[in-house]
Amino acid sequence: MLFRAGAQRPQAASGAEPQVVRYALTGAGGGFARTLLAQSRLLGRLAPTVLCDLDLAGLRALCLELGYEAAALVECADAASVRALVPGQIALVRDVNLLDPAAFDILVEGTGNPSVGYRAARAALEAKRHVAMVSKEVDAVAGVSLAQLAASQGVVYTTADGDQPSNLIGWVSWARTLGLEIVAAGKSSEYDLVFDAATGEVTQLDQRFAAPELANLMTLGDDVAATLAARRAALNGRKTSATADYCEMTVVATNTGLVPDVELLHYPVARTTELADIYALREDGGVLSRPGVIDVFNMLRRPDEASFAGGVFVVVRTHDAPTWALLAQKGHVVSRNGRYACLYLPYHFMGVETPITLLEAVLHGRPTGAAQPTQCAVLAGRATTDIKAGTVLHMGGHHHDVTGVQAVMIERAAMPANVAPLYLAAHATLARDVTAGELLTLDHLQNPDAALLEAWQAGAA
């Protein structure tokens, strides 16, 4: 699928009524869902018909706030109630088992729950309904299997535009269509590091901390690795990686064939203008041991500089010196040695952009990513401490961390065959002790979700 920047709204055949694309949405009370529901109000071609969330009161309040008619919002406790609705009404349900396929053309899966999300997506595909997967936790375990099922059913399984995995998959496809050699691809982390030289402080979202050493580190210098190490030290041990980032980049990897260079990713603290120099091969002064890798960086900027906004990038080899010298003159990011260039999209619009995916999938049968993704990289987990048998590996928090486990991203060819994907291990009980630093394997898990395990193994076959 080619990148669809500036894609036009699909047009109906001359004289025909435009088709209204109906969607079901799980996790409908969340932040991503809000942006999609708000955007849907502006589009006559797109309509929510079934909304699923555990908090129905909160969901109803959200819909009313967004301008949906109170009379159109009908709480349904059973399948018969959902089937009884008429066009224009929207079913509000708590249980994904009440997602009646007759009521929607495409499911937007946004629960973030590996087990629940997988079952909802599988049921939709089996009913020959398209699926736009927003729950990266589901995709990281079962995405390959779900894509296989979709192909066998003649429907679309796709990531959703507006979120970094889909945006980056599309951007990689765009670069490859142009014949560009991708050395690295990735995204910025969730929140910028904004350094104010006047105070010597860094602001990150709602936190502020002193890092005066950064004043002398705002340029990259000749020794890239040394500057990056010094910036890292100036942050004084603050955590700058996130489980969600590893998960999202795993989804990109399976859809593009790009793989991690190191299992914790490089996570440089970097400015936009430096990316082509940083994501160069080591022999050219960069940090990479090989081309064709996936990574994440922490955006460093001054208060008066534009944000990367959680956007995405590719770093490519330049192929004609005068061409790229001309582009550098126009302000594009080209490395100091002229051998690499960074092409980037500084945005992350969430559900505001997702309607493009829904319309493309239903009206044209086109996914964002690869027609058939592969399990070339795995989101796995290493124990950060000794964990006793019988411990439940709880998942929680904003980034869906697994307690006592560090997310790692590993190339499939470089890992044990029985590795446990992180979100299969989530909520499972340990069958035996795990030592700090040990990679979680299927043998460690006493009671993994049987359906998810089957999907994982099918995707690996």
Protein backbone atom coordinates (compact mmCIF):
# COMPACT_ATOMS: atom_id res chain seq x y z
CA MET A 1 0.00 0.00 0.00
CA LEU A 2 1.44 3.38 -0.96
CA PHE A 3 1.48 6.23 1.50
CA ARG A 4 -1.72 8.20 1.15
CA ALA A 5 -0.69 11.73 2.09
CA GLY A 6 -3.35 14.12 0.88
CA ALA A 7 -5.65 11.27 -0.13
CA GLN A 8 -8.98 12.44 -1.46
CA ARG A 9 -12.25 11.24 -0.05
CA PRO A 10 -13.48 8.28 -2.15
CA GLN A 11 -16.18 9.28 -4.62
CA ALA A 12 -19.35 7.39 -5.42
CA ALA A 13 -20.14 6.38 -8.99
CA SER A 14 -21.96 9.04 -10.98
CA GLY A 15 -25.60 9.19 -9.95
CA ALA A 16 -25.17 6.75 -7.07
CA GLU A 17 -25.73 7.53 -3.43
CA PRO A 18 -22.38 7.57 -1.58
CA GLN A 19 -21.94 4.52 0.65
CA VAL A 20 -21.90 5.28 4.35
CA VAL A 21 -19.18 3.24 6.05
CA ARG A 22 -20.42 1.90 9.39
CA TYR A 23 -17.94 1.09 12.11
CA ALA A 24 -17.91 -0.61 15.48
CA LEU A 25 -15.45 0.72 18.04
CA THR A 26 -14.08 -1.05 21.10
CA GLY A 27 -12.38 0.85 23.91
CA ALA A 28 -14.82 3.58 22.88
CA GLY A 29 -14.31 5.68 26.02
CA GLY A 30 -10.56 6.18 25.51
CA GLY A 31 -8.53 9.08 24.16
CA PHE A 32 -8.00 7.63 20.69
CA ALA A 33 -11.70 6.79 20.46
CA ARG A 34 -12.68 10.34 21.35
CA THR A 35 -10.65 11.76 18.46
CA LEU A 36 -12.25 9.31 16.02
CA LEU A 37 -15.78 9.94 17.28
CA ALA A 38 -15.24 13.69 17.12
CA GLN A 39 -13.91 13.49 13.57
CA SER A 40 -16.78 11.25 12.47
CA ARG A 41 -19.17 14.10 13.25
CA LEU A 42 -17.62 16.02 10.32
CA LEU A 43 -17.98 13.20 7.79
CA GLY A 44 -21.25 12.24 6.20
CA ARG A 45 -19.66 9.09 4.80
CA LEU A 46 -18.70 7.55 8.16
CA ALA A 47 -20.95 6.50 11.03
CA PRO A 48 -20.37 4.74 14.37
CA THR A 49 -23.05 2.09 14.88
CA VAL A 50 -21.78 -0.01 17.82
CA LEU A 51 -19.64 1.43 20.63
CA CYS A 52 -18.19 -0.89 23.26
CA ASP A 53 -16.71 0.17 26.60
CA LEU A 54 -16.90 -1.04 30.18
CA ASP A 55 -18.01 2.41 31.37
CA LEU A 56 -21.31 2.98 29.59
CA ALA A 57 -22.20 6.06 31.63
CA GLY A 58 -18.89 7.66 30.73
CA LEU A 59 -19.29 6.61 27.09
CA ARG A 60 -22.76 8.13 26.89
CA ALA A 61 -21.50 11.37 28.45
CA LEU A 62 -18.64 11.51 25.94
CA CYS A 63 -21.00 11.03 22.97
CA LEU A 64 -23.35 13.74 24.25
CA GLU A 65 -20.43 16.11 24.75
CA LEU A 66 -19.39 15.50 21.14
CA GLY A 67 -22.88 16.34 19.90
CA TYR A 68 -24.43 12.94 19.27
CA GLU A 69 -28.20 12.91 19.78
CA ALA A 70 -29.29 11.48 23.13
CA ALA A 71 -32.16 9.58 21.53
CA ALA A 72 -29.75 7.85 19.14
CA LEU A 73 -27.64 6.36 21.96
CA VAL A 74 -29.20 3.05 23.03
CA GLU A 75 -27.68 0.91 25.79
CA CYS A 76 -27.97 -2.78 24.85
CA ALA A 77 -27.51 -5.67 27.27
CA ASP A 78 -28.12 -8.53 24.83
CA ALA A 79 -27.80 -9.44 21.18
CA ALA A 80 -31.51 -9.08 20.50
CA SER A 81 -31.40 -5.45 21.61
CA VAL A 82 -28.53 -4.70 19.24
CA ARG A 83 -30.30 -6.39 16.33
CA ALA A 84 -33.46 -4.40 17.04
CA LEU A 85 -31.82 -1.03 16.43
CA VAL A 86 -32.78 0.97 13.35
CA PRO A 87 -30.52 3.07 11.09
CA GLY A 88 -29.38 6.20 12.88
CA GLN A 89 -29.24 4.56 16.29
CA ILE A 90 -25.96 3.67 17.99
CA ALA A 91 -25.65 0.64 20.25
CA LEU A 92 -23.70 1.16 23.49
CA VAL A 93 -22.50 -2.19 24.85
CA ARG A 94 -20.13 -3.43 27.57
CA ASP A 95 -19.40 -6.86 26.08
CA VAL A 96 -17.46 -7.40 22.84
CA ASN A 97 -19.62 -10.47 22.25
CA LEU A 98 -22.47 -8.05 21.46
CA LEU A 99 -20.66 -6.60 18.43
CA ASP A 100 -23.23 -7.72 15.86
CA PRO A 101 -21.47 -8.02 12.45
CA ALA A 102 -24.69 -7.09 10.70
CA ALA A 103 -24.41 -3.64 12.26
CA PHE A 104 -20.97 -2.65 10.94
CA ASP A 105 -18.64 -2.84 7.94
CA ILE A 106 -15.39 -2.50 9.86
CA LEU A 107 -14.29 -2.98 13.47
CA VAL A 108 -11.89 -0.48 15.02
CA GLU A 109 -10.29 -2.49 17.83
CA GLY A 110 -9.02 -0.19 20.58
CA THR A 111 -9.34 -2.07 23.87
CA GLY A 112 -5.59 -2.39 24.43
CA ASN A 113 -6.38 -5.78 25.99
CA PRO A 114 -4.54 -8.64 24.21
CA SER A 115 -7.10 -11.35 24.95
CA VAL A 116 -10.30 -9.35 24.55
CA GLY A 117 -9.04 -7.46 21.52
CA TYR A 118 -7.90 -10.62 19.77
CA ARG A 119 -11.27 -12.31 20.23
CA ALA A 120 -13.15 -9.27 19.00
CA ALA A 121 -10.96 -8.97 15.91
CA ARG A 122 -11.11 -12.66 15.11
CA ALA A 123 -14.91 -12.76 15.43
CA ALA A 124 -15.22 -9.79 13.06
CA LEU A 125 -12.93 -11.36 10.46
CA GLU A 126 -14.71 -14.69 10.67
CA ALA A 127 -17.94 -12.81 9.93
CA LYS A 128 -16.22 -11.26 6.88
CA ARG A 129 -15.92 -7.81 8.39
CA HIS A 130 -12.82 -5.66 7.97
CA VAL A 131 -10.67 -4.83 11.01
CA ALA A 132 -8.60 -1.71 11.73
CA MET A 133 -6.29 -2.65 14.61
CA VAL A 134 -5.46 0.16 17.03
CA SER A 135 -4.51 -2.17 19.93
CA LYS A 136 -0.81 -2.65 19.27
CA GLU A 137 -0.75 -5.15 22.15
CA VAL A 138 -2.99 -7.45 20.11
CA ASP A 139 -1.08 -6.89 16.89
CA ALA A 140 2.31 -7.64 18.49
CA VAL A 141 1.11 -11.15 19.37
CA ALA A 142 -1.54 -12.04 16.82
CA GLY A 143 -1.19 -9.58 13.95
CA VAL A 144 0.36 -12.06 11.53
CA SER A 145 -2.30 -14.67 12.27
CA LEU A 146 -5.12 -12.14 11.96
CA ALA A 147 -3.76 -10.92 8.63
CA GLN A 148 -3.71 -14.53 7.41
CA LEU A 149 -7.32 -14.99 8.50
CA ALA A 150 -8.36 -11.76 6.80
CA ALA A 151 -6.77 -12.87 3.54
CA SER A 152 -8.59 -16.21 3.69
CA GLN A 153 -11.88 -14.37 4.28
CA GLY A 154 -11.36 -11.83 1.53
CA VAL A 155 -11.42 -8.84 3.88
CA VAL A 156 -8.92 -6.27 5.13
CA TYR A 157 -6.87 -6.37 8.34
CA THR A 158 -4.93 -3.14 8.74
CA THR A 159 -3.24 -0.76 11.12
CA ALA A 160 -5.00 2.60 11.49
CA ASP A 161 -3.77 5.88 10.06
CA GLY A 162 -3.19 8.59 12.63
CA ASP A 163 -1.16 6.31 14.89
CA GLN A 164 2.60 5.92 14.50
CA PRO A 165 2.71 2.29 13.29
CA SER A 166 0.41 2.96 10.35
CA ASN A 167 2.00 6.30 9.56
CA LEU A 168 5.49 4.82 9.57
CA ILE A 169 4.48 1.75 7.56
CA GLY A 170 3.06 4.08 4.94
CA TRP A 171 6.14 6.30 4.98
CA VAL A 172 8.45 3.30 4.52
CA SER A 173 6.28 2.13 1.62
CA TRP A 174 6.46 5.60 0.07
CA ALA A 175 10.27 5.67 0.31
CA ARG A 176 10.62 2.17 -1.11
CA THR A 177 8.30 2.98 -4.00
CA LEU A 178 10.71 5.79 -4.89
CA GLY A 179 13.61 3.31 -4.89
CA LEU A 180 15.25 4.84 -1.82
CA GLU A 181 17.42 2.58 0.33
CA ILE A 182 16.20 2.79 3.91
CA VAL A 183 19.00 2.71 6.44
CA ALA A 184 16.75 3.36 9.45
CA ALA A 185 13.15 4.16 10.19
CA GLY A 186 11.38 5.08 13.37
CA LYS A 187 9.53 7.65 15.41
CA SER A 188 10.06 10.11 18.20
CA SER A 189 9.12 9.12 21.73
CA GLU A 190 5.87 10.36 23.21
CA TYR A 191 6.96 13.62 24.86
CA ASP A 192 9.72 16.05 23.84
CA LEU A 193 12.59 17.07 26.07
CA VAL A 194 12.37 20.88 25.95
CA PHE A 195 15.57 22.54 27.20
CA ASP A 196 15.51 26.17 28.35
CA ALA A 197 19.06 27.53 28.37
CA ALA A 198 17.96 30.50 30.49
CA THR A 199 17.04 28.26 33.43
CA GLY A 200 19.09 25.13 32.67
CA GLU A 201 15.91 23.08 33.03
CA VAL A 202 14.16 20.51 30.87
CA THR A 203 10.39 20.33 30.62
CA GLN A 204 8.82 17.01 29.61
CA LEU A 205 5.03 17.15 29.52
CA ASP A 206 4.12 18.28 33.07
CA GLN A 207 7.50 17.58 34.66
CA ARG A 208 10.47 19.89 35.01
CA PHE A 209 13.98 19.03 36.12
CA ALA A 210 17.46 20.52 36.10
CA ALA A 211 19.89 19.48 33.36
CA PRO A 212 22.30 22.43 33.02
CA GLU A 213 24.93 20.32 31.26
CA LEU A 214 22.74 20.28 28.14
CA ALA A 215 23.63 23.92 27.51
CA ASN A 216 26.97 22.79 26.07
CA LEU A 217 25.50 19.75 24.28
CA MET A 218 22.95 21.29 21.94
CA THR A 219 25.18 20.69 18.93
CA LEU A 220 26.24 17.22 17.91
CA GLY A 221 29.98 17.76 17.60
CA ASP A 222 32.42 15.56 15.71
CA ASP A 223 32.06 12.55 18.01
CA VAL A 224 28.39 11.61 17.69
CA ALA A 225 28.52 8.72 20.15
CA ALA A 226 30.26 10.84 22.79
CA THR A 227 27.71 13.65 22.50
CA LEU A 228 24.81 11.22 22.78
CA ALA A 229 26.36 9.60 25.84
CA ALA A 230 26.90 13.00 27.47
CA ARG A 231 23.29 14.00 26.82
CA ARG A 232 22.10 10.76 28.34
CA ALA A 233 24.25 11.40 31.42
CA ALA A 234 22.86 14.93 31.71
CA LEU A 235 19.37 13.47 32.16
CA ASN A 236 20.66 11.87 35.36
CA GLY A 237 19.10 8.45 34.92
CA ARG A 238 15.62 9.56 33.89
CA LYS A 239 13.70 6.89 31.97
CA THR A 240 13.33 7.81 28.31
CA SER A 241 12.03 4.56 26.83
CA ALA A 242 8.53 3.09 26.95
CA THR A 243 6.99 -0.34 26.53
CA ALA A 244 4.46 1.20 24.14
CA ASP A 245 7.28 2.34 21.83
CA TYR A 246 8.75 -1.15 21.62
CA CYS A 247 5.31 -2.54 20.90
CA GLU A 248 4.55 -0.04 18.14
CA MET A 249 7.88 -0.59 16.45
CA THR A 250 7.30 -4.35 16.53
CA VAL A 251 4.09 -3.79 14.58
CA VAL A 252 6.06 -1.72 12.05
CA ALA A 253 8.75 -4.40 11.82
CA THR A 254 6.31 -7.19 11.00
CA ASN A 255 4.77 -5.04 8.26
CA THR A 256 8.03 -3.80 6.70
CA GLY A 257 10.76 -6.37 7.41
CA LEU A 258 12.86 -3.80 9.27
CA VAL A 259 14.51 -5.18 12.43
CA PRO A 260 16.02 -3.74 15.64
CA ASP A 261 19.74 -3.00 15.71
CA VAL A 262 19.90 -3.63 19.47
CA GLU A 263 17.15 -5.10 21.65
CA LEU A 264 16.63 -1.97 23.78
CA LEU A 265 16.82 0.23 20.67
CA HIS A 266 19.27 3.12 20.57
CA TYR A 267 16.90 5.84 21.87
CA PRO A 268 19.29 8.73 21.18
CA VAL A 269 18.49 12.13 22.67
CA ALA A 270 18.48 14.02 19.41
CA ARG A 271 17.40 17.12 17.54
CA THR A 272 15.61 16.80 14.22
CA THR A 273 18.50 18.30 12.26
CA GLU A 274 20.85 15.60 13.59
CA LEU A 275 18.93 12.45 12.64
CA ALA A 276 20.75 11.83 9.34
CA ASP A 277 24.11 11.96 11.14
CA ILE A 278 23.01 9.82 14.10
CA TYR A 279 21.25 7.11 12.09
CA ALA A 280 24.27 6.52 9.88
CA LEU A 281 26.43 3.41 9.89
CA ARG A 282 29.25 3.37 12.42
CA GLU A 283 31.90 3.60 9.73
CA ASP A 284 30.29 6.91 8.75
CA GLY A 285 30.21 8.22 12.32
CA GLY A 286 26.69 7.11 13.26
CA VAL A 287 25.35 4.57 15.75
CA LEU A 288 24.11 1.76 13.49
CA SER A 289 25.85 -1.59 13.02
CA ARG A 290 23.85 -2.33 9.84
CA PRO A 291 21.22 -0.81 7.53
CA GLY A 292 17.53 -1.67 7.51
CA VAL A 293 16.76 -1.08 11.19
CA ILE A 294 13.89 0.25 13.27
CA ASP A 295 14.43 2.63 16.19
CA VAL A 296 13.03 5.40 18.42
CA PHE A 297 14.60 8.71 19.44
CA ASN A 298 13.94 11.23 22.21
CA MET A 299 13.26 14.66 20.74
CA LEU A 300 15.47 17.41 22.22
CA ARG A 301 14.54 20.99 21.38
CA ARG A 302 14.48 24.55 22.62
CA PRO A 303 11.18 26.14 23.72
CA ASP A 304 10.93 28.20 20.51
CA GLU A 305 11.52 25.23 18.20
CA ALA A 306 8.77 23.13 16.64
CA SER A 307 7.96 19.73 18.11
CA PHE A 308 8.42 16.46 16.22
CA ALA A 309 4.89 15.78 17.58
CA GLY A 310 5.38 12.04 17.93
CA GLY A 311 6.04 11.86 14.21
CA VAL A 312 7.90 9.36 12.05
CA PHE A 313 11.03 9.33 9.90
CA VAL A 314 13.13 7.37 7.47
CA VAL A 315 16.85 7.82 6.97
CA VAL A 316 17.96 6.92 3.45
CA ARG A 317 21.20 6.81 1.55
CA THR A 318 21.66 9.69 -0.85
CA HIS A 319 22.28 8.55 -4.42
CA ASP A 320 23.21 11.68 -6.39
CA ALA A 321 25.29 14.32 -4.66
CA PRO A 322 23.98 17.35 -6.61
CA THR A 323 20.34 16.29 -6.02
CA TRP A 324 20.78 16.05 -2.28
CA ALA A 325 22.95 19.18 -2.10
CA LEU A 326 20.06 21.01 -3.75
CA LEU A 327 17.60 19.53 -1.26
CA ALA A 328 19.88 20.46 1.64
CA GLN A 329 19.85 24.06 0.39
CA LYS A 330 16.06 23.93 0.56
CA GLY A 331 16.23 22.98 4.23
CA HIS A 332 15.98 19.20 4.10
CA VAL A 333 17.97 17.22 6.65
CA VAL A 334 21.11 15.82 5.01
CA SER A 335 24.08 14.45 6.94
CA ARG A 336 27.26 16.47 7.18
CA ASN A 337 29.08 14.02 4.93
CA GLY A 338 26.25 14.12 2.40
CA ARG A 339 25.72 10.32 2.43
CA TYR A 340 22.43 10.16 4.32
CA ALA A 341 19.18 12.11 4.43
CA CYS A 342 16.31 12.13 6.91
CA LEU A 343 12.77 12.43 5.54
CA TYR A 344 10.16 12.92 8.23
CA LEU A 345 6.50 13.59 9.02
CA PRO A 346 6.21 15.61 12.26
CA TYR A 347 2.67 14.66 13.20
CA HIS A 348 0.59 12.06 15.07
CA PHE A 349 -3.10 12.83 14.59
CA MET A 350 -4.65 9.76 16.23
CA GLY A 351 -8.31 9.22 15.36
CA VAL A 352 -8.50 12.49 13.46
CA GLU A 353 -6.82 10.71 10.53
CA THR A 354 -8.24 7.20 11.05
CA PRO A 355 -11.29 7.82 8.80
CA ILE A 356 -8.94 7.58 5.80
CA THR A 357 -8.11 4.00 6.79
CA LEU A 358 -11.75 3.05 7.34
CA LEU A 359 -12.89 4.44 4.00
CA GLU A 360 -9.96 2.90 2.12
CA ALA A 361 -10.44 -0.52 3.68
CA VAL A 362 -14.21 -0.76 3.16
CA LEU A 363 -14.61 1.06 -0.16
CA HIS A 364 -11.39 -0.03 -1.87
CA GLY A 365 -10.17 -3.10 0.02
CA ARG A 366 -6.79 -1.57 0.77
CA PRO A 367 -4.79 -2.02 4.00
CA THR A 368 -2.13 0.40 5.19
CA GLY A 369 0.58 -2.21 5.65
CA ALA A 370 1.92 -5.30 3.98
CA ALA A 371 -0.58 -7.70 2.40
CA GLN A 372 1.06 -10.43 4.47
CA PRO A 373 3.17 -9.36 7.45
CA THR A 374 5.83 -11.68 8.86
CA GLN A 375 7.15 -12.36 12.33
CA CYS A 376 10.61 -10.97 11.59
CA ALA A 377 10.88 -9.26 14.98
CA VAL A 378 9.35 -10.05 18.35
CA LEU A 379 8.31 -7.92 21.31
CA ALA A 380 9.66 -10.03 24.16
CA GLY A 381 10.48 -9.44 27.81
CA ARG A 382 13.49 -9.77 30.13
CA ALA A 383 13.01 -10.02 33.86
CA THR A 384 14.38 -6.97 35.67
CA THR A 385 14.45 -8.85 38.98
CA ASP A 386 14.15 -12.43 40.23
CA ILE A 387 10.50 -13.48 40.02
CA LYS A 388 9.12 -16.51 41.86
CA ALA A 389 6.96 -19.26 40.39
CA GLY A 390 3.28 -18.57 41.01
CA THR A 391 3.63 -14.82 40.39
CA VAL A 392 1.03 -13.26 38.11
CA LEU A 393 2.66 -10.99 35.52
CA HIS A 394 0.30 -8.05 35.81
CA MET A 395 -0.02 -5.54 32.96
CA GLY A 396 -1.02 -1.96 33.65
CA GLY A 397 -0.24 1.74 33.59
CA HIS A 398 -0.39 4.24 30.75
CA HIS A 399 2.15 2.31 28.67
CA HIS A 400 0.83 -1.17 29.55
CA ASP A 401 4.03 -2.24 31.30
CA VAL A 402 4.35 -5.78 32.64
CA THR A 403 5.45 -5.76 36.28
CA GLY A 404 9.04 -6.88 36.77
CA VAL A 405 9.71 -7.20 33.04
CA GLN A 406 11.61 -4.97 30.60
CA ALA A 407 10.21 -4.91 27.08
CA VAL A 408 12.81 -5.80 24.46
CA MET A 409 12.60 -6.03 20.69
CA ILE A 410 14.55 -8.89 19.15
CA GLU A 411 15.07 -10.05 15.59
CA ARG A 412 13.28 -13.37 15.17
CA ALA A 413 16.31 -15.08 13.64
CA ALA A 414 18.43 -14.23 16.70
CA MET A 415 16.22 -15.61 19.47
CA PRO A 416 15.08 -18.94 20.94
CA ALA A 417 12.17 -20.61 19.17
CA ASN A 418 10.15 -20.81 22.40
CA VAL A 419 10.35 -17.13 23.31
CA ALA A 420 7.16 -15.73 24.83
CA PRO A 421 5.80 -12.53 23.28
CA LEU A 422 5.39 -9.94 26.01
CA TYR A 423 1.63 -9.59 25.73
CA LEU A 424 1.07 -13.32 25.80
CA ALA A 425 2.98 -13.34 29.10
CA ALA A 426 0.88 -10.44 30.41
CA HIS A 427 -1.60 -11.64 33.06
CA ALA A 428 -0.18 -15.18 32.91
CA THR A 429 1.13 -17.02 35.99
CA LEU A 430 4.74 -18.16 36.15
CA ALA A 431 5.18 -21.92 36.16
CA ARG A 432 8.76 -21.63 37.44
CA ASP A 433 11.21 -19.09 38.81
CA VAL A 434 12.68 -16.48 36.48
CA THR A 435 16.12 -15.03 37.11
CA ALA A 436 16.85 -11.34 36.60
CA GLY A 437 18.05 -10.80 33.03
CA GLU A 438 16.38 -13.97 31.75
CA LEU A 439 14.27 -13.83 28.61
CA LEU A 440 10.71 -15.02 29.19
CA THR A 441 9.86 -18.20 27.28
CA LEU A 442 6.70 -20.21 26.80
CA ASP A 443 8.07 -22.72 29.31
CA HIS A 444 7.86 -20.03 32.01
CA LEU A 445 4.11 -19.57 31.57
CA GLN A 446 1.66 -21.74 33.45
CA ASN A 447 -1.60 -20.58 31.94
CA PRO A 448 -1.18 -18.34 28.89
CA ASP A 449 -4.34 -17.45 26.99
CA ALA A 450 -4.90 -20.52 24.80
CA ALA A 451 -6.41 -18.64 21.87
CA LEU A 452 -3.61 -16.04 21.85
CA LEU A 453 -0.98 -18.78 22.09
CA GLU A 454 -2.51 -20.55 19.11
CA ALA A 455 -2.55 -17.31 17.14
CA TRP A 456 1.09 -16.62 18.02
CA GLN A 457 2.22 -20.07 16.97
CA ALA A 458 0.20 -19.89 13.74
CA GLY A 459 1.92 -16.61 12.90
CA ALA A 460 5.33 -18.12 13.55
CA ALA A 461 4.73 -21.19 11.40
